[in-house]
Amino acid sequence: MRARDKAAVSALRSTLAALDNAEAVPLADTAPRAGALEASPVGAGATEAARRELSERDVLHVVRAEADERLAAADHLTTPAHADRAARLRAEAAVLLRFLDGGTDEDALGT
């Protein structure tokens, strides 16, 4: 963000959101069940569902999927009118791929 790299900020924010979504427990596991009112949970956080903990492999899979999604979308934008959007998607994918390839140096982190 400090480097004002819009492609990196956009790619990282959306990937963090995708990781957050991947941690969500499937709805079927948290579906409300009928029961007595007095048996219902009470208090702060009582209705919060536990989140899954992603392994390193899961995280890498999500990041790879995000990069692949951007590259596929860029490939579909073939008209000259969409050249800027395609270039931005490819730049975002490059940021994510740099992290996957172990290029998490200070330049990539923006520090």
Protein backbone atom coordinates (compact mmCIF):
# COMPACT_ATOMS: atom_id res chain seq x y z
CA MET A 1 0.00 0.00 0.00
CA ARG A 2 2.86 2.34 0.78
CA ALA A 3 4.34 1.71 -2.64
CA ARG A 4 0.94 2.61 -4.15
CA ASP A 5 0.99 -0.56 -6.21
CA LYS A 6 -2.70 -0.83 -7.06
CA ALA A 7 -2.36 -4.25 -8.67
CA ALA A 8 -0.66 -5.71 -5.60
CA VAL A 9 -3.13 -4.15 -3.17
CA SER A 10 -6.11 -5.37 -5.19
CA ALA A 11 -4.72 -8.88 -5.60
CA LEU A 12 -3.77 -9.23 -1.94
CA ARG A 13 -7.05 -7.86 -0.60
CA SER A 14 -9.17 -10.16 -2.72
CA THR A 15 -6.94 -13.13 -1.94
CA LEU A 16 -7.21 -12.43 1.79
CA ALA A 17 -11.00 -12.39 1.37
CA ALA A 18 -10.83 -15.71 -0.51
CA LEU A 19 -8.76 -17.18 2.31
CA ASP A 20 -11.27 -15.90 4.84
CA ASN A 21 -14.07 -17.55 2.85
CA ALA A 22 -12.11 -20.80 2.67
CA GLU A 23 -11.96 -20.87 6.47
CA ALA A 24 -15.74 -20.80 6.74
CA VAL A 25 -17.45 -23.92 7.96
CA PRO A 26 -19.91 -25.44 5.45
CA LEU A 27 -23.46 -24.26 6.10
CA ALA A 28 -24.78 -27.80 6.63
CA ASP A 29 -22.54 -28.14 9.70
CA THR A 30 -23.88 -24.96 11.30
CA ALA A 31 -27.54 -25.11 10.27
CA PRO A 32 -29.86 -24.22 13.11
CA ARG A 33 -31.73 -27.09 14.64
CA ALA A 34 -35.12 -26.94 16.24
CA GLY A 35 -35.07 -27.20 19.96
CA ALA A 36 -36.27 -25.71 23.19
CA LEU A 37 -35.70 -22.00 23.71
CA GLU A 38 -34.02 -22.61 27.05
CA ALA A 39 -31.47 -24.86 25.32
CA SER A 40 -30.40 -22.13 22.91
CA PRO A 41 -26.95 -20.54 23.31
CA VAL A 42 -26.73 -17.27 25.21
CA GLY A 43 -24.04 -14.63 25.48
CA ALA A 44 -21.53 -12.80 23.35
CA GLY A 45 -20.28 -14.95 20.50
CA ALA A 46 -22.73 -17.76 21.26
CA THR A 47 -23.93 -17.84 17.68
CA GLU A 48 -20.45 -17.73 16.15
CA ALA A 49 -19.42 -20.83 14.22
CA ALA A 50 -15.95 -22.21 14.62
CA ARG A 51 -13.73 -21.59 11.61
CA ARG A 52 -11.58 -24.13 9.85
CA GLU A 53 -7.86 -23.79 10.14
CA LEU A 54 -6.24 -23.95 6.71
CA SER A 55 -3.04 -25.88 6.20
CA GLU A 56 -0.18 -24.34 4.25
CA ARG A 57 -1.18 -26.53 1.31
CA ASP A 58 -4.76 -25.20 1.48
CA VAL A 59 -3.49 -21.61 1.50
CA LEU A 60 -1.26 -22.26 -1.49
CA HIS A 61 -4.19 -23.86 -3.33
CA VAL A 62 -6.39 -20.79 -2.72
CA VAL A 63 -3.66 -18.38 -3.83
CA ARG A 64 -2.98 -20.46 -6.95
CA ALA A 65 -6.70 -20.55 -7.76
CA GLU A 66 -6.90 -16.76 -7.41
CA ALA A 67 -3.95 -16.29 -9.78
CA ASP A 68 -5.37 -18.80 -12.28
CA GLU A 69 -8.75 -17.07 -12.16
CA ARG A 70 -7.17 -13.73 -13.04
CA LEU A 71 -5.15 -15.22 -15.89
CA ALA A 72 -8.23 -16.95 -17.32
CA ALA A 73 -10.26 -13.75 -17.12
CA ALA A 74 -7.45 -11.80 -18.81
CA ASP A 75 -7.34 -14.35 -21.62
CA HIS A 76 -11.06 -13.80 -22.25
CA LEU A 77 -10.60 -10.03 -22.59
CA THR A 78 -9.30 -9.97 -26.15
CA THR A 79 -10.77 -6.77 -27.55
CA PRO A 80 -8.61 -3.64 -27.58
CA ALA A 81 -11.21 -1.87 -25.45
CA HIS A 82 -10.43 -4.28 -22.59
CA ALA A 83 -6.64 -4.25 -22.94
CA ASP A 84 -6.16 -2.16 -19.76
CA ARG A 85 -8.34 -4.48 -17.69
CA ALA A 86 -6.54 -7.56 -19.05
CA ALA A 87 -3.16 -6.00 -18.25
CA ARG A 88 -4.31 -5.21 -14.71
CA LEU A 89 -5.51 -8.80 -14.21
CA ARG A 90 -2.19 -10.16 -15.47
CA ALA A 91 -0.30 -7.82 -13.12
CA GLU A 92 -2.41 -9.02 -10.18
CA ALA A 93 -1.75 -12.64 -11.14
CA ALA A 94 1.98 -11.90 -11.34
CA VAL A 95 1.91 -10.54 -7.79
CA LEU A 96 0.25 -13.72 -6.51
CA LEU A 97 2.56 -15.99 -8.50
CA ARG A 98 5.57 -14.14 -7.09
CA PHE A 99 4.41 -15.10 -3.60
CA LEU A 100 3.89 -18.71 -4.65
CA ASP A 101 7.38 -18.87 -6.14
CA GLY A 102 8.91 -17.79 -2.83
CA GLY A 103 9.54 -14.23 -3.89
CA THR A 104 8.27 -12.79 -0.62
CA ASP A 105 11.14 -10.37 -0.29
CA GLU A 106 10.68 -6.88 1.10
CA ASP A 107 9.85 -5.50 -2.36
CA ALA A 108 6.96 -7.90 -2.70
CA LEU A 109 5.71 -7.10 0.78
CA GLY A 110 5.95 -3.36 0.17
CA THR A 111 8.06 -2.66 3.27
